[in-house]
Amino acid sequence: MISEKIKKTKAEHPTIRIGKNGLTEGLINEIKRQLKDNEVVKIRIGIKDQDRREIAKKVAELTNAKLVEVRGYTFILMKNE
């Protein structure tokens, strides 16, 4: 069932965008809320001057989620079991 949600999420547009303000507390709380509701969330990184893989790892760590994939400036997180 989770793999179906990941496939569906890959086909959709990102529901969260990390902008010039970076990782704010409000943004982290919104990611946590979406993970709780949907179990999988797709995030777009709008900051081009930082390492996108490091940002994805940091978000996964802060939200206690599993990093599924990083593709370009988009990544997918999955709720930890």
C-alpha atoms as a PDB file:
ATOM      1  CA  MET A   1       0.000   0.000   0.000  1.00  0.00           C
ATOM      2  CA  ILE A   2       2.844   2.393   0.799  1.00  0.00           C
ATOM      3  CA  SER A   3       4.492   1.663  -2.554  1.00  0.00           C
ATOM      4  CA  GLU A   4       1.239   2.662  -4.269  1.00  0.00           C
ATOM      5  CA  LYS A   5       1.246   5.961  -2.376  1.00  0.00           C
ATOM      6  CA  ILE A   6       4.852   6.588  -3.408  1.00  0.00           C
ATOM      7  CA  LYS A   7       4.004   5.917  -7.078  1.00  0.00           C
ATOM      8  CA  LYS A   8       1.027   8.265  -6.852  1.00  0.00           C
ATOM      9  CA  THR A   9       3.128  10.957  -5.173  1.00  0.00           C
ATOM     10  CA  LYS A  10       5.830  10.698  -7.862  1.00  0.00           C
ATOM     11  CA  ALA A  11       3.233  11.523 -10.515  1.00  0.00           C
ATOM     12  CA  GLU A  12       1.855  14.539  -8.626  1.00  0.00           C
ATOM     13  CA  HIS A  13       3.201  18.045  -8.206  1.00  0.00           C
ATOM     14  CA  PRO A  14       5.095  18.873  -5.002  1.00  0.00           C
ATOM     15  CA  THR A  15       2.817  19.927  -2.150  1.00  0.00           C
ATOM     16  CA  ILE A  16       5.544  21.851  -0.292  1.00  0.00           C
ATOM     17  CA  ARG A  17       8.184  24.258  -1.547  1.00  0.00           C
ATOM     18  CA  ILE A  18      11.297  25.290   0.349  1.00  0.00           C
ATOM     19  CA  GLY A  19      11.897  28.916  -0.578  1.00  0.00           C
ATOM     20  CA  LYS A  20      14.456  31.616   0.163  1.00  0.00           C
ATOM     21  CA  ASN A  21      13.548  31.587   3.874  1.00  0.00           C
ATOM     22  CA  GLY A  22      14.818  28.030   4.095  1.00  0.00           C
ATOM     23  CA  LEU A  23      13.693  25.552   6.719  1.00  0.00           C
ATOM     24  CA  THR A  24      11.492  27.467   9.121  1.00  0.00           C
ATOM     25  CA  GLU A  25       9.714  25.959  12.100  1.00  0.00           C
ATOM     26  CA  GLY A  26       6.372  26.505  10.359  1.00  0.00           C
ATOM     27  CA  LEU A  27       7.569  24.655   7.261  1.00  0.00           C
ATOM     28  CA  ILE A  28       8.815  21.696   9.309  1.00  0.00           C
ATOM     29  CA  ASN A  29       5.478  21.560  11.170  1.00  0.00           C
ATOM     30  CA  GLU A  30       3.575  21.586   7.859  1.00  0.00           C
ATOM     31  CA  ILE A  31       5.708  18.718   6.520  1.00  0.00           C
ATOM     32  CA  LYS A  32       5.037  16.752   9.728  1.00  0.00           C
ATOM     33  CA  ARG A  33       1.299  17.407   9.387  1.00  0.00           C
ATOM     34  CA  GLN A  34       1.232  16.251   5.760  1.00  0.00           C
ATOM     35  CA  LEU A  35       3.240  13.136   6.636  1.00  0.00           C
ATOM     36  CA  LYS A  36       0.747  12.342   9.390  1.00  0.00           C
ATOM     37  CA  ASP A  37      -2.225  12.816   7.032  1.00  0.00           C
ATOM     38  CA  ASN A  38      -0.820  11.298   3.812  1.00  0.00           C
ATOM     39  CA  GLU A  39       2.217   9.198   4.903  1.00  0.00           C
ATOM     40  CA  VAL A  40       4.112  10.398   1.792  1.00  0.00           C
ATOM     41  CA  VAL A  41       4.980  13.973   0.779  1.00  0.00           C
ATOM     42  CA  LYS A  42       6.756  15.488  -2.233  1.00  0.00           C
ATOM     43  CA  ILE A  43       8.868  18.598  -1.647  1.00  0.00           C
ATOM     44  CA  ARG A  44      10.468  21.039  -4.091  1.00  0.00           C
ATOM     45  CA  ILE A  45      13.670  22.905  -3.196  1.00  0.00           C
ATOM     46  CA  GLY A  46      13.759  26.486  -4.443  1.00  0.00           C
ATOM     47  CA  ILE A  47      17.228  27.262  -3.042  1.00  0.00           C
ATOM     48  CA  LYS A  48      19.778  26.665  -5.794  1.00  0.00           C
ATOM     49  CA  ASP A  49      22.936  27.693  -3.907  1.00  0.00           C
ATOM     50  CA  GLN A  50      22.833  24.867  -1.324  1.00  0.00           C
ATOM     51  CA  ASP A  51      23.381  21.123  -1.697  1.00  0.00           C
ATOM     52  CA  ARG A  52      19.951  19.651  -2.394  1.00  0.00           C
ATOM     53  CA  ARG A  53      20.832  16.219  -1.014  1.00  0.00           C
ATOM     54  CA  GLU A  54      21.962  17.746   2.284  1.00  0.00           C
ATOM     55  CA  ILE A  55      18.735  19.750   2.518  1.00  0.00           C
ATOM     56  CA  ALA A  56      16.676  16.602   1.874  1.00  0.00           C
ATOM     57  CA  LYS A  57      18.600  14.650   4.537  1.00  0.00           C
ATOM     58  CA  LYS A  58      18.185  17.476   7.043  1.00  0.00           C
ATOM     59  CA  VAL A  59      14.419  17.703   6.431  1.00  0.00           C
ATOM     60  CA  ALA A  60      14.090  13.917   6.822  1.00  0.00           C
ATOM     61  CA  GLU A  61      16.013  14.071  10.095  1.00  0.00           C
ATOM     62  CA  LEU A  62      14.008  17.026  11.465  1.00  0.00           C
ATOM     63  CA  THR A  63      10.672  15.412  10.598  1.00  0.00           C
ATOM     64  CA  ASN A  64      11.677  11.871  11.640  1.00  0.00           C
ATOM     65  CA  ALA A  65      10.837  10.620   8.142  1.00  0.00           C
ATOM     66  CA  LYS A  66      12.503   8.319   5.626  1.00  0.00           C
ATOM     67  CA  LEU A  67      14.031   9.882   2.524  1.00  0.00           C
ATOM     68  CA  VAL A  68      12.689   7.892  -0.443  1.00  0.00           C
ATOM     69  CA  GLU A  69      14.450   9.669  -3.316  1.00  0.00           C
ATOM     70  CA  VAL A  70      16.070  12.882  -4.456  1.00  0.00           C
ATOM     71  CA  ARG A  71      15.535  13.727  -8.113  1.00  0.00           C
ATOM     72  CA  GLY A  72      16.787  17.098  -9.276  1.00  0.00           C
ATOM     73  CA  TYR A  73      15.480  19.712  -6.861  1.00  0.00           C
ATOM     74  CA  THR A  74      12.569  17.544  -5.739  1.00  0.00           C
ATOM     75  CA  PHE A  75      12.514  14.873  -3.066  1.00  0.00           C
ATOM     76  CA  ILE A  76      10.024  12.494  -1.493  1.00  0.00           C
ATOM     77  CA  LEU A  77       9.669  11.699   2.202  1.00  0.00           C
ATOM     78  CA  MET A  78       7.805   8.774   3.725  1.00  0.00           C
ATOM     79  CA  LYS A  79       6.479   8.508   7.260  1.00  0.00           C
ATOM     80  CA  ASN A  80       8.614   6.242   9.440  1.00  0.00           C
ATOM     81  CA  GLU A  81       6.868   3.106  10.653  1.00  0.00           C
END
